[in-house]
Amino acid sequence: MLDRGAVPIVAHVLLVGLVVITAASVGGMMFITADTVPSAPTFEPDRPAESAQIDLEADRAEFTLTHQGSEPIDLDATAVEITVEDEPLRFQPTVPYFSIVGFRPGPKGAFNVAGDDQWKPNETTTIEVVPPNAPIPQAGAEVTVTVHVNGDRYATASDTA
């Protein structure tokens, strides 16, 4: 009867030893990798003005943007931020798109998903803000559009609706 009682005790001792060794290994790896964590990314300053320009024409809730820069913009790396009287729209457009909340479906030009993935110099795109988006620009309101590429501000343009 002694032989049968010894097996569970040995199994428990081995299991506890395995847990201690695993915990020590994981803890040791955490201290080793803590020294190799990369620092926060540094961003390049905004692009020079001659290559980063957009033109905005606001006709109440319809905005026409023209890429005035010298290099194509990768739309997959692009974000657009629109404000009306310094208040951000409730829903911001994701580009390219066809139908998203707060914008009339089927934007014309570069921001339409049916186009290619580049916004080329002198290419125009038109988007229209619709409810439930807010604020809807009224006549005389200042509209500002900021284009970000790879997380960096690329260009900003303003116009009166």
Protein backbone atom coordinates (compact mmCIF):
# COMPACT_ATOMS: atom_id res chain seq x y z
CA MET A 1 0.00 0.00 0.00
CA LEU A 2 2.93 2.34 0.47
CA ASP A 3 3.86 2.09 -3.22
CA ARG A 4 0.47 3.27 -4.39
CA GLY A 5 0.44 6.30 -2.05
CA ALA A 6 3.86 7.51 -3.18
CA VAL A 7 2.94 8.00 -6.84
CA PRO A 8 0.46 10.87 -6.31
CA ILE A 9 2.93 12.66 -4.00
CA VAL A 10 5.73 12.40 -6.59
CA ALA A 11 3.35 13.61 -9.32
CA HIS A 12 2.37 16.64 -7.24
CA VAL A 13 6.00 17.51 -6.51
CA LEU A 14 6.88 17.24 -10.22
CA LEU A 15 3.88 19.36 -11.22
CA VAL A 16 4.72 22.09 -8.71
CA GLY A 17 8.34 22.03 -9.89
CA LEU A 18 7.21 22.36 -13.53
CA VAL A 19 4.97 25.34 -12.67
CA VAL A 20 7.82 27.08 -10.79
CA ILE A 21 10.27 26.55 -13.67
CA THR A 22 7.73 27.81 -16.23
CA ALA A 23 6.92 30.89 -14.15
CA ALA A 24 10.61 31.66 -13.68
CA SER A 25 11.23 31.32 -17.44
CA VAL A 26 8.34 33.61 -18.38
CA GLY A 27 9.32 36.16 -15.75
CA GLY A 28 12.92 36.11 -16.90
CA MET A 29 11.89 36.63 -20.53
CA MET A 30 9.77 39.61 -19.52
CA PHE A 31 12.75 41.30 -17.88
CA ILE A 32 14.98 40.54 -20.86
CA THR A 33 12.51 41.87 -23.45
CA ALA A 34 11.62 44.95 -21.35
CA ASP A 35 15.01 46.40 -22.27
CA THR A 36 14.45 45.83 -25.99
CA VAL A 37 11.00 47.43 -26.36
CA PRO A 38 11.25 50.07 -29.08
CA SER A 39 10.74 53.67 -28.09
CA ALA A 40 7.73 55.62 -29.27
CA PRO A 41 7.78 56.27 -33.00
CA THR A 42 9.05 59.61 -34.16
CA PHE A 43 7.19 61.33 -36.93
CA GLU A 44 8.71 63.28 -39.73
CA PRO A 45 7.65 66.90 -39.89
CA ASP A 46 4.89 67.79 -42.29
CA ARG A 47 5.81 67.63 -45.95
CA PRO A 48 7.05 70.80 -47.62
CA ALA A 49 4.24 73.09 -48.76
CA GLU A 50 5.11 72.74 -52.46
CA SER A 51 4.27 69.01 -52.44
CA ALA A 52 1.43 69.10 -49.91
CA GLN A 53 -1.44 71.20 -51.10
CA ILE A 54 -5.14 70.64 -51.48
CA ASP A 55 -7.79 73.06 -52.69
CA LEU A 56 -11.28 73.05 -51.14
CA GLU A 57 -14.50 74.39 -52.59
CA ALA A 58 -17.41 74.12 -50.18
CA ASP A 59 -20.94 74.48 -51.52
CA ARG A 60 -22.93 74.07 -48.33
CA ALA A 61 -22.71 70.32 -47.61
CA GLU A 62 -20.87 69.35 -50.83
CA PHE A 63 -17.08 69.57 -50.77
CA THR A 64 -14.82 69.43 -53.79
CA LEU A 65 -11.17 68.71 -53.06
CA THR A 66 -8.40 69.04 -55.62
CA HIS A 67 -4.95 67.57 -55.03
CA GLN A 68 -2.57 70.45 -55.82
CA GLY A 69 0.61 68.66 -54.77
CA SER A 70 3.27 67.17 -57.00
CA GLU A 71 3.15 63.52 -55.84
CA PRO A 72 0.29 60.96 -55.83
CA ILE A 73 -1.24 60.16 -52.45
CA ASP A 74 -1.80 56.52 -51.42
CA LEU A 75 -5.47 56.45 -50.39
CA ASP A 76 -5.01 53.29 -48.31
CA ALA A 77 -2.71 55.34 -46.04
CA THR A 78 -4.96 58.42 -46.06
CA ALA A 79 -7.39 59.77 -43.48
CA VAL A 80 -9.61 62.81 -43.95
CA GLU A 81 -10.82 65.04 -41.11
CA ILE A 82 -13.58 67.58 -41.72
CA THR A 83 -14.61 70.35 -39.33
CA VAL A 84 -17.42 72.90 -39.60
CA GLU A 85 -16.82 76.07 -37.59
CA ASP A 86 -14.00 74.18 -35.76
CA GLU A 87 -16.40 71.37 -34.75
CA PRO A 88 -15.49 67.92 -36.14
CA LEU A 89 -18.18 66.07 -38.06
CA ARG A 90 -19.79 63.30 -36.01
CA PHE A 91 -18.82 60.79 -38.74
CA GLN A 92 -15.56 61.26 -40.64
CA PRO A 93 -15.11 59.75 -44.10
CA THR A 94 -12.91 56.71 -44.55
CA VAL A 95 -11.25 56.78 -47.95
CA PRO A 96 -11.74 55.32 -50.38
CA TYR A 97 -15.44 54.53 -49.84
CA PHE A 98 -18.70 53.98 -51.65
CA SER A 99 -21.34 54.13 -48.94
CA ILE A 100 -20.71 55.17 -45.33
CA VAL A 101 -22.84 56.76 -42.61
CA GLY A 102 -23.12 60.52 -42.87
CA PHE A 103 -22.11 60.89 -46.53
CA ARG A 104 -24.02 60.62 -49.81
CA PRO A 105 -23.12 57.28 -51.43
CA GLY A 106 -20.86 57.24 -54.45
CA PRO A 107 -18.39 60.10 -54.05
CA LYS A 108 -17.16 61.47 -57.35
CA GLY A 109 -13.47 61.15 -58.16
CA ALA A 110 -10.52 59.82 -56.22
CA PHE A 111 -12.34 58.94 -52.98
CA ASN A 112 -14.66 56.45 -54.74
CA VAL A 113 -13.68 52.85 -54.01
CA ALA A 114 -14.21 51.99 -57.70
CA GLY A 115 -11.18 54.12 -58.63
CA ASP A 116 -7.54 53.27 -58.22
CA ASP A 117 -5.74 53.52 -54.87
CA GLN A 118 -4.01 56.82 -55.66
CA TRP A 119 -5.11 60.45 -55.52
CA LYS A 120 -3.12 61.96 -58.36
CA PRO A 121 -2.00 65.60 -58.69
CA ASN A 122 -4.75 67.83 -60.14
CA GLU A 123 -7.34 65.08 -59.56
CA THR A 124 -10.61 66.22 -57.99
CA THR A 125 -12.96 64.39 -55.63
CA THR A 126 -16.38 65.46 -54.38
CA ILE A 127 -18.11 64.30 -51.20
CA GLU A 128 -21.40 65.39 -49.65
CA VAL A 129 -22.32 65.43 -45.96
CA VAL A 130 -25.85 64.19 -45.18
CA PRO A 131 -27.82 63.42 -41.97
CA PRO A 132 -27.31 61.77 -39.53
CA ASN A 133 -23.92 63.49 -39.77
CA ALA A 134 -23.62 66.78 -37.92
CA PRO A 135 -23.01 69.61 -38.06
CA ILE A 136 -24.34 70.03 -41.61
CA PRO A 137 -22.66 73.17 -42.98
CA GLN A 138 -24.98 76.13 -43.44
CA ALA A 139 -24.34 79.10 -45.74
CA GLY A 140 -21.44 81.15 -44.41
CA ALA A 141 -19.97 78.40 -42.21
CA GLU A 142 -16.23 77.82 -42.34
CA VAL A 143 -15.36 74.29 -43.48
CA THR A 144 -11.86 72.90 -42.95
CA VAL A 145 -10.56 69.66 -44.44
CA THR A 146 -7.31 68.12 -43.21
CA VAL A 147 -5.71 65.24 -45.08
CA HIS A 148 -3.44 62.88 -43.12
CA VAL A 149 -1.09 60.42 -44.82
CA ASN A 150 0.45 57.62 -42.73
CA GLY A 151 -0.78 59.41 -39.60
CA ASP A 152 0.98 62.69 -40.42
CA ARG A 153 -0.82 65.89 -41.40
CA TYR A 154 -0.34 66.23 -45.13
CA ALA A 155 -2.34 69.35 -45.95
CA THR A 156 -5.20 71.52 -44.72
CA ALA A 157 -7.62 73.70 -46.68
CA SER A 158 -10.55 75.90 -45.64
CA ASP A 159 -13.45 77.51 -47.45
CA THR A 160 -16.77 79.18 -46.62
CA ALA A 161 -19.86 77.10 -47.35
